[in-house]
């Protein structure tokens, strides 16, 4: 039987979990948290947070064009 532990180990679950963390970054920035604080809270590398912020900024610029 496919248990919860098995589900959490799937690639799909891991990708969704990562995407949710990345989607949480903008609200945390609005609350005034630093990149380092966000990385620690979401258990991400500082570089991952920086890249996500940069990517989201580019997407916002493209959608405004």
N, C-alpha and C. Protein backbone atom coordinates (compact mmCIF):
# COMPACT_ATOMS: atom_id res chain seq x y z
N UNK A 1 0.84 -1.18 0.00
CA UNK A 1 0.00 0.00 0.00
C UNK A 1 0.88 1.25 0.00
N UNK A 2 0.42 2.26 -0.65
CA UNK A 2 1.17 3.51 -0.80
C UNK A 2 0.86 4.41 0.39
N UNK A 3 1.80 4.53 1.31
CA UNK A 3 1.57 5.30 2.53
C UNK A 3 2.00 6.75 2.40
N UNK A 4 1.73 7.52 3.43
CA UNK A 4 2.07 8.94 3.45
C UNK A 4 3.58 9.15 3.33
N UNK A 5 4.33 8.30 3.99
CA UNK A 5 5.79 8.40 3.92
C UNK A 5 6.26 8.18 2.48
N UNK A 6 5.67 7.22 1.80
CA UNK A 6 6.02 6.97 0.40
C UNK A 6 5.67 8.16 -0.47
N UNK A 7 4.51 8.75 -0.24
CA UNK A 7 4.05 9.90 -1.01
C UNK A 7 5.03 11.07 -0.88
N UNK A 8 5.50 11.31 0.33
CA UNK A 8 6.41 12.43 0.57
C UNK A 8 7.77 12.25 -0.10
N UNK A 9 8.07 11.05 -0.49
CA UNK A 9 9.36 10.79 -1.13
C UNK A 9 9.29 10.87 -2.65
N UNK A 10 8.09 11.10 -3.19
CA UNK A 10 7.97 11.17 -4.64
C UNK A 10 8.53 12.49 -5.16
N UNK A 11 8.97 12.46 -6.40
CA UNK A 11 9.52 13.65 -7.03
C UNK A 11 8.44 14.73 -7.15
N UNK A 12 7.22 14.33 -7.46
CA UNK A 12 6.11 15.28 -7.58
C UNK A 12 5.91 16.04 -6.27
N UNK A 13 5.85 15.32 -5.17
CA UNK A 13 5.66 15.95 -3.86
C UNK A 13 6.78 16.93 -3.57
N UNK A 14 8.01 16.52 -3.82
CA UNK A 14 9.15 17.39 -3.55
C UNK A 14 9.11 18.65 -4.39
N UNK A 15 8.70 18.52 -5.67
CA UNK A 15 8.62 19.69 -6.55
C UNK A 15 7.52 20.65 -6.09
N UNK A 16 6.37 20.11 -5.69
CA UNK A 16 5.27 20.95 -5.22
C UNK A 16 5.68 21.65 -3.93
N UNK A 17 6.32 20.94 -3.05
CA UNK A 17 6.77 21.51 -1.78
C UNK A 17 7.74 22.68 -2.04
N UNK A 18 8.65 22.50 -2.96
CA UNK A 18 9.61 23.55 -3.32
C UNK A 18 8.89 24.76 -3.92
N UNK A 19 7.93 24.51 -4.80
CA UNK A 19 7.19 25.59 -5.45
C UNK A 19 6.40 26.41 -4.42
N UNK A 20 5.82 25.74 -3.46
CA UNK A 20 5.08 26.44 -2.40
C UNK A 20 6.02 27.34 -1.60
N UNK A 21 7.19 26.84 -1.29
CA UNK A 21 8.17 27.65 -0.56
C UNK A 21 8.53 28.90 -1.36
N UNK A 22 8.77 28.71 -2.66
CA UNK A 22 9.17 29.84 -3.50
C UNK A 22 8.04 30.86 -3.62
N UNK A 23 6.80 30.38 -3.66
CA UNK A 23 5.65 31.29 -3.74
C UNK A 23 5.44 32.07 -2.45
N UNK A 24 6.02 31.60 -1.37
CA UNK A 24 5.88 32.26 -0.07
C UNK A 24 6.86 33.42 0.09
N UNK A 25 7.86 33.49 -0.74
CA UNK A 25 8.90 34.51 -0.60
C UNK A 25 8.37 35.94 -0.71
N UNK A 26 7.60 36.31 -1.73
CA UNK A 26 7.15 37.71 -1.83
C UNK A 26 6.39 38.23 -0.60
N UNK A 27 5.44 37.46 -0.05
CA UNK A 27 4.77 37.96 1.16
C UNK A 27 5.73 38.16 2.34
N UNK A 28 6.71 37.28 2.45
CA UNK A 28 7.67 37.41 3.55
C UNK A 28 8.53 38.65 3.37
N UNK A 29 8.86 38.98 2.12
CA UNK A 29 9.60 40.21 1.84
C UNK A 29 8.76 41.43 2.24
N UNK A 30 7.46 41.37 1.93
CA UNK A 30 6.57 42.49 2.27
C UNK A 30 6.48 42.70 3.78
N UNK A 31 6.63 41.62 4.54
CA UNK A 31 6.62 41.72 6.00
C UNK A 31 7.92 42.28 6.54
N UNK A 32 8.91 42.46 5.65
CA UNK A 32 10.17 43.06 6.07
C UNK A 32 11.26 42.08 6.45
N UNK A 33 11.05 40.81 6.18
CA UNK A 33 12.09 39.83 6.50
C UNK A 33 13.26 39.97 5.52
N UNK A 34 14.45 39.73 5.99
CA UNK A 34 15.63 39.77 5.13
C UNK A 34 15.71 38.47 4.33
N UNK A 35 16.52 38.48 3.31
CA UNK A 35 16.73 37.28 2.50
C UNK A 35 17.25 36.14 3.37
N UNK A 36 18.13 36.46 4.29
CA UNK A 36 18.68 35.44 5.17
C UNK A 36 17.61 34.85 6.08
N UNK A 37 16.73 35.72 6.61
CA UNK A 37 15.66 35.24 7.47
C UNK A 37 14.68 34.35 6.69
N UNK A 38 14.37 34.75 5.48
CA UNK A 38 13.47 33.96 4.64
C UNK A 38 14.09 32.60 4.35
N UNK A 39 15.37 32.59 4.00
CA UNK A 39 16.05 31.34 3.70
C UNK A 39 16.01 30.41 4.91
N UNK A 40 16.26 30.96 6.08
CA UNK A 40 16.24 30.14 7.29
C UNK A 40 14.83 29.62 7.58
N UNK A 41 13.83 30.49 7.47
CA UNK A 41 12.46 30.09 7.77
C UNK A 41 11.95 29.02 6.82
N UNK A 42 12.32 29.12 5.55
CA UNK A 42 11.83 28.17 4.54
C UNK A 42 12.78 27.00 4.30
N UNK A 43 13.88 26.99 5.04
CA UNK A 43 14.89 25.93 4.89
C UNK A 43 15.40 25.86 3.45
N UNK A 44 15.77 27.04 2.93
CA UNK A 44 16.34 27.17 1.60
C UNK A 44 17.71 27.81 1.71
N UNK A 45 18.49 27.68 0.64
CA UNK A 45 19.76 28.38 0.57
C UNK A 45 19.49 29.85 0.26
N UNK A 46 20.34 30.72 0.75
CA UNK A 46 20.20 32.15 0.48
C UNK A 46 20.19 32.39 -1.03
N UNK A 47 21.02 31.68 -1.75
CA UNK A 47 21.09 31.84 -3.20
C UNK A 47 19.77 31.44 -3.87
N UNK A 48 19.10 30.42 -3.38
CA UNK A 48 17.80 30.02 -3.93
C UNK A 48 16.79 31.14 -3.74
N UNK A 49 16.82 31.78 -2.59
CA UNK A 49 15.89 32.88 -2.33
C UNK A 49 16.20 34.05 -3.26
N UNK A 50 17.46 34.38 -3.42
CA UNK A 50 17.84 35.48 -4.31
C UNK A 50 17.39 35.20 -5.75
N UNK A 51 17.61 33.98 -6.20
CA UNK A 51 17.21 33.61 -7.57
C UNK A 51 15.70 33.69 -7.74
N UNK A 52 14.96 33.25 -6.74
CA UNK A 52 13.50 33.31 -6.81
C UNK A 52 13.01 34.75 -6.88
N UNK A 53 13.62 35.63 -6.09
CA UNK A 53 13.25 37.04 -6.10
C UNK A 53 13.54 37.65 -7.47
N UNK A 54 14.70 37.33 -8.01
CA UNK A 54 15.08 37.84 -9.33
C UNK A 54 14.12 37.33 -10.40
N UNK A 55 13.81 36.05 -10.36
CA UNK A 55 12.91 35.45 -11.35
C UNK A 55 11.52 36.06 -11.25
N UNK A 56 11.01 36.25 -10.05
CA UNK A 56 9.68 36.83 -9.87
C UNK A 56 9.66 38.28 -10.32
N UNK A 57 10.77 38.99 -10.14
CA UNK A 57 10.87 40.36 -10.61
C UNK A 57 10.84 40.43 -12.13
N UNK A 58 11.50 39.49 -12.78
CA UNK A 58 11.49 39.43 -14.24
C UNK A 58 10.10 39.10 -14.77
N UNK A 59 9.42 38.19 -14.10
CA UNK A 59 8.07 37.82 -14.53
C UNK A 59 7.11 38.99 -14.37
N UNK A 60 7.27 39.77 -13.33
CA UNK A 60 6.42 40.93 -13.11
C UNK A 60 6.67 41.98 -14.18
N UNK A 61 7.92 42.16 -14.56
CA UNK A 61 8.28 43.12 -15.60
C UNK A 61 7.69 42.70 -16.94
N UNK A 62 7.78 41.40 -17.23
CA UNK A 62 7.25 40.89 -18.50
C UNK A 62 5.74 41.00 -18.57
N UNK A 63 5.06 40.79 -17.46
CA UNK A 63 3.60 40.86 -17.46
C UNK A 63 3.10 42.30 -17.57
N UNK A 64 3.94 43.26 -17.18
CA UNK A 64 3.57 44.67 -17.28
C UNK A 64 3.83 45.23 -18.67
N UNK A 65 4.53 44.48 -19.51
CA UNK A 65 4.87 44.96 -20.87
C UNK A 65 3.73 44.79 -21.82
